[in-house]
Amino acid sequence: MPSFKIDTSTALVFVATAPEPKLANRKTGEVALDVVTEKPLYVVGLLVTDEGEGNLYKVAVPETGFPEGLVPGMPVRVTGLKAKDWENEFNGKKMHGISFRAVAITPAA
């Protein structure tokens, strides 16, 4: 499925939740890996506000794409943010949604 770039150049972006490993399997605790680098993926909660609207996104980012010390409330910049729709079947139920991925999350100057 195609992915779509998200422009955050005019937005204010803040860390909502600190990075935590993205799980590929919740039962076993297996951590998801980036398909290109084969490095672990993390999920960071971001509050993105623009044009009077605020949204909370859970964004996957490779472990090399963010510095240590990202904490809730910290203003950040997001590089290469994309949205991708997905659809799967789990236990006979069709599920769908939108996933978010970024190349990097860095503290704002």
C-alpha atoms as a PDB file:
ATOM      1  CA  MET A   1       0.000   0.000   0.000  1.00  0.00           C
ATOM      2  CA  PRO A   2       1.259   3.509  -0.725  1.00  0.00           C
ATOM      3  CA  SER A   3       2.524   5.875   1.948  1.00  0.00           C
ATOM      4  CA  PHE A   4       1.939   9.615   2.128  1.00  0.00           C
ATOM      5  CA  LYS A   5       4.329  12.337   3.283  1.00  0.00           C
ATOM      6  CA  ILE A   6       3.146  14.529   6.138  1.00  0.00           C
ATOM      7  CA  ASP A   7       4.407  18.124   6.153  1.00  0.00           C
ATOM      8  CA  THR A   8       5.197  19.299   9.682  1.00  0.00           C
ATOM      9  CA  SER A   9       7.082  22.442   8.613  1.00  0.00           C
ATOM     10  CA  THR A  10       4.408  24.783  10.041  1.00  0.00           C
ATOM     11  CA  ALA A  11       3.423  22.589  13.001  1.00  0.00           C
ATOM     12  CA  LEU A  12       4.468  22.596  16.625  1.00  0.00           C
ATOM     13  CA  VAL A  13       5.467  19.079  17.635  1.00  0.00           C
ATOM     14  CA  PHE A  14       5.968  17.859  21.201  1.00  0.00           C
ATOM     15  CA  VAL A  15       6.889  14.502  22.691  1.00  0.00           C
ATOM     16  CA  ALA A  16       3.786  13.042  24.354  1.00  0.00           C
ATOM     17  CA  THR A  17       5.288   9.673  25.387  1.00  0.00           C
ATOM     18  CA  ALA A  18       8.946   8.670  25.591  1.00  0.00           C
ATOM     19  CA  PRO A  19      10.346   6.116  23.119  1.00  0.00           C
ATOM     20  CA  GLU A  20       9.582   2.476  23.846  1.00  0.00           C
ATOM     21  CA  PRO A  21      10.352  -0.638  21.801  1.00  0.00           C
ATOM     22  CA  LYS A  22       7.801  -1.470  19.089  1.00  0.00           C
ATOM     23  CA  LEU A  23       6.642  -5.031  19.594  1.00  0.00           C
ATOM     24  CA  ALA A  24       6.272  -7.430  16.675  1.00  0.00           C
ATOM     25  CA  ASN A  25       4.695 -10.042  18.962  1.00  0.00           C
ATOM     26  CA  ARG A  26       3.074  -9.019  22.251  1.00  0.00           C
ATOM     27  CA  LYS A  27       2.900 -12.604  23.523  1.00  0.00           C
ATOM     28  CA  THR A  28       6.633 -13.275  23.151  1.00  0.00           C
ATOM     29  CA  GLY A  29       7.881  -9.702  23.580  1.00  0.00           C
ATOM     30  CA  GLU A  30       9.691  -9.872  20.233  1.00  0.00           C
ATOM     31  CA  VAL A  31      10.776  -6.384  19.136  1.00  0.00           C
ATOM     32  CA  ALA A  32       9.956  -5.229  15.594  1.00  0.00           C
ATOM     33  CA  LEU A  33      12.904  -4.626  13.300  1.00  0.00           C
ATOM     34  CA  ASP A  34      13.370  -2.097  10.505  1.00  0.00           C
ATOM     35  CA  VAL A  35      13.218  -4.071   7.246  1.00  0.00           C
ATOM     36  CA  VAL A  36      16.085  -2.074   5.689  1.00  0.00           C
ATOM     37  CA  THR A  37      18.574  -1.708   8.550  1.00  0.00           C
ATOM     38  CA  GLU A  38      17.403  -4.686  10.642  1.00  0.00           C
ATOM     39  CA  LYS A  39      17.747  -2.445  13.716  1.00  0.00           C
ATOM     40  CA  PRO A  40      15.028  -2.321  16.403  1.00  0.00           C
ATOM     41  CA  LEU A  41      12.084   0.048  15.958  1.00  0.00           C
ATOM     42  CA  TYR A  42      10.730   2.280  18.705  1.00  0.00           C
ATOM     43  CA  VAL A  43       7.408   4.068  19.117  1.00  0.00           C
ATOM     44  CA  VAL A  44       7.245   7.703  20.227  1.00  0.00           C
ATOM     45  CA  GLY A  45       3.992   9.471  21.039  1.00  0.00           C
ATOM     46  CA  LEU A  46       3.901  12.892  19.383  1.00  0.00           C
ATOM     47  CA  LEU A  47       1.460  15.760  19.814  1.00  0.00           C
ATOM     48  CA  VAL A  48       1.276  17.652  16.523  1.00  0.00           C
ATOM     49  CA  THR A  49      -0.517  21.007  16.532  1.00  0.00           C
ATOM     50  CA  ASP A  50      -1.157  23.048  13.393  1.00  0.00           C
ATOM     51  CA  GLU A  51      -3.807  25.521  12.257  1.00  0.00           C
ATOM     52  CA  GLY A  52      -5.675  25.332  15.575  1.00  0.00           C
ATOM     53  CA  GLU A  53      -5.903  21.543  15.628  1.00  0.00           C
ATOM     54  CA  GLY A  54      -3.930  19.076  17.710  1.00  0.00           C
ATOM     55  CA  ASN A  55      -3.513  15.343  17.154  1.00  0.00           C
ATOM     56  CA  LEU A  56      -1.704  12.580  18.986  1.00  0.00           C
ATOM     57  CA  TYR A  57       0.244  10.138  16.820  1.00  0.00           C
ATOM     58  CA  LYS A  58       2.196   7.025  17.729  1.00  0.00           C
ATOM     59  CA  VAL A  59       5.170   7.181  15.393  1.00  0.00           C
ATOM     60  CA  ALA A  60       7.584   4.329  14.662  1.00  0.00           C
ATOM     61  CA  VAL A  61      11.220   5.389  14.338  1.00  0.00           C
ATOM     62  CA  PRO A  62      14.428   3.348  14.089  1.00  0.00           C
ATOM     63  CA  GLU A  63      16.589   3.266  17.218  1.00  0.00           C
ATOM     64  CA  THR A  64      19.221   5.295  15.362  1.00  0.00           C
ATOM     65  CA  GLY A  65      16.643   8.010  14.536  1.00  0.00           C
ATOM     66  CA  PHE A  66      16.357   9.703  17.921  1.00  0.00           C
ATOM     67  CA  PRO A  67      18.718  10.846  20.687  1.00  0.00           C
ATOM     68  CA  GLU A  68      18.614   9.715  24.297  1.00  0.00           C
ATOM     69  CA  GLY A  69      16.654  11.955  26.597  1.00  0.00           C
ATOM     70  CA  LEU A  70      13.428  12.532  24.669  1.00  0.00           C
ATOM     71  CA  VAL A  71      10.885  13.264  27.391  1.00  0.00           C
ATOM     72  CA  PRO A  72       7.211  14.267  27.412  1.00  0.00           C
ATOM     73  CA  GLY A  73       6.691  17.982  26.779  1.00  0.00           C
ATOM     74  CA  MET A  74       9.924  18.397  24.803  1.00  0.00           C
ATOM     75  CA  PRO A  75       9.516  20.298  21.518  1.00  0.00           C
ATOM     76  CA  VAL A  76      10.926  18.288  18.609  1.00  0.00           C
ATOM     77  CA  ARG A  77      11.359  18.250  14.852  1.00  0.00           C
ATOM     78  CA  VAL A  78      10.266  15.273  12.782  1.00  0.00           C
ATOM     79  CA  THR A  79      12.110  14.231   9.637  1.00  0.00           C
ATOM     80  CA  GLY A  80      10.504  12.080   6.966  1.00  0.00           C
ATOM     81  CA  LEU A  81       7.106  11.589   8.593  1.00  0.00           C
ATOM     82  CA  LYS A  82       4.833   9.337   6.518  1.00  0.00           C
ATOM     83  CA  ALA A  83       1.387   7.811   6.962  1.00  0.00           C
ATOM     84  CA  LYS A  84       0.433   4.416   5.560  1.00  0.00           C
ATOM     85  CA  ASP A  85      -2.925   2.692   5.687  1.00  0.00           C
ATOM     86  CA  TRP A  86      -3.009  -0.981   6.621  1.00  0.00           C
ATOM     87  CA  GLU A  87      -5.474  -3.836   6.733  1.00  0.00           C
ATOM     88  CA  ASN A  88      -5.052  -7.262   8.315  1.00  0.00           C
ATOM     89  CA  GLU A  89      -7.148 -10.099   9.596  1.00  0.00           C
ATOM     90  CA  PHE A  90      -6.747 -11.087  13.260  1.00  0.00           C
ATOM     91  CA  ASN A  91      -8.640 -14.088  14.614  1.00  0.00           C
ATOM     92  CA  GLY A  92     -11.206 -13.855  11.829  1.00  0.00           C
ATOM     93  CA  LYS A  93     -11.759 -10.103  12.272  1.00  0.00           C
ATOM     94  CA  LYS A  94     -10.740  -7.590   9.646  1.00  0.00           C
ATOM     95  CA  MET A  95      -8.815  -4.716  11.184  1.00  0.00           C
ATOM     96  CA  HIS A  96      -7.605  -1.528   9.513  1.00  0.00           C
ATOM     97  CA  GLY A  97      -5.948   1.723  10.424  1.00  0.00           C
ATOM     98  CA  ILE A  98      -3.157   4.157   9.680  1.00  0.00           C
ATOM     99  CA  SER A  99       0.423   3.722  10.834  1.00  0.00           C
ATOM    100  CA  PHE A 100       2.968   6.517  11.111  1.00  0.00           C
ATOM    101  CA  ARG A 101       6.694   6.279  10.500  1.00  0.00           C
ATOM    102  CA  ALA A 102       9.525   8.808  10.695  1.00  0.00           C
ATOM    103  CA  VAL A 103      13.180   8.752   9.732  1.00  0.00           C
ATOM    104  CA  ALA A 104      14.208  10.842  12.742  1.00  0.00           C
ATOM    105  CA  ILE A 105      12.925  12.799  15.728  1.00  0.00           C
ATOM    106  CA  THR A 106      15.291  15.474  17.084  1.00  0.00           C
ATOM    107  CA  PRO A 107      15.010  18.205  19.738  1.00  0.00           C
ATOM    108  CA  ALA A 108      13.828  21.552  18.335  1.00  0.00           C
ATOM    109  CA  ALA A 109      16.291  24.408  18.603  1.00  0.00           C
END
